[in-house]
């Protein structure tokens, strides 16, 4: 082990067994908190896996090397006259076993604030040490899509088997970096299999837990990696939230108009994508926005992460589809929907970029 690795993490001893039922190595799933986590889907994915499956710690990363405590201050409990508890941050790699006993690895916890290059080197070293066959990084982003259509997961990666028939962006994007993206870049540079999966969450639900996004991310992982994951609880949570959303939408005619506008846009753009990608396996065979439009939305979202996104794990009672910020977003969509038709653009999206309506949408 290199000196950097010794300072960066500590391996468990004895190391838990990583069982492979075939000649391939395990899959590594990376689900780090703090970046592109609309609907809290990434954080909830790691929490669900750790709670539902047998797991053993395999490597513990050194918080003092990686975490800026002033940027994410751990909570402290004061009990009358003394400090009784302090929150602990855990950035760990664990080995989990699915329903059939197949092993896979999970890297979870807060995204490092510091030393991304050294952290990347350490993670890639662990990938090589445990002969990881493929790495899948999880993300979640808010998009101008309605909750009444099947949630979509887009994919990027350097291996066709990892990307499969999932939705792919048809455009180039420039986004703020993250630790997970640094790991992706280095794995790709070394010729190792890596992909990123992004759940597309309705923008007006991005700040609340949205279990359907968690469910769809884990379904994509299970399908690609050949894992048997327990997802019934997430399915029940997704149905419960869907019922709550139906009730909220029924109580507001204005919200219904906004949702219908998003549905029309989604349906029109799905047909465009379907014509260009007839072999794509799209959720529910419904309608979805084009790659360029979603790419522009994703890029815009990531550019404003520091100001727009709440801390993952913020307490909330359920999906919230109201509020000044959301009302303004709805108003923009509604105004565009009622505007005179322009034969040069049929997307129905607000024109926020004078250079290119199509790219913004």
Foldseek 3Di string as FASTA:
>chain_A
DDPLLVQFKDFDPPADDQDAPDPAFAEEEEQAFDAQQFLLQSVVLVVQQPVFWDKDFTMWTDCVQFADCVVPPWDWDDDPDRTDDTDDWTFTKMWTAFPVGHIHIYGYTHFTPDDLVSVLVNVVVVCVVRRHQAYEYEHEHEDQAFPVDQKFKQKDWDDCLLRPQGHYFPDDFDFDDGSVVVNRVVCVVVVGTYMYIYIYHHNLQRQHNQLSSNLVVVVSVCVSRVGHHDCPVSVVVNVVQVVVVVVVCVVDPLSVLLNVLNQVLQQVQQVVVCVVRVPHDTPPSGGGHHSLQVSLRRRVRRRCSVPPHDGNPPDDDGGDRDDDVNVVLSVQLNVLQPDDDDPVDDNSHHQPDPVDSSNND
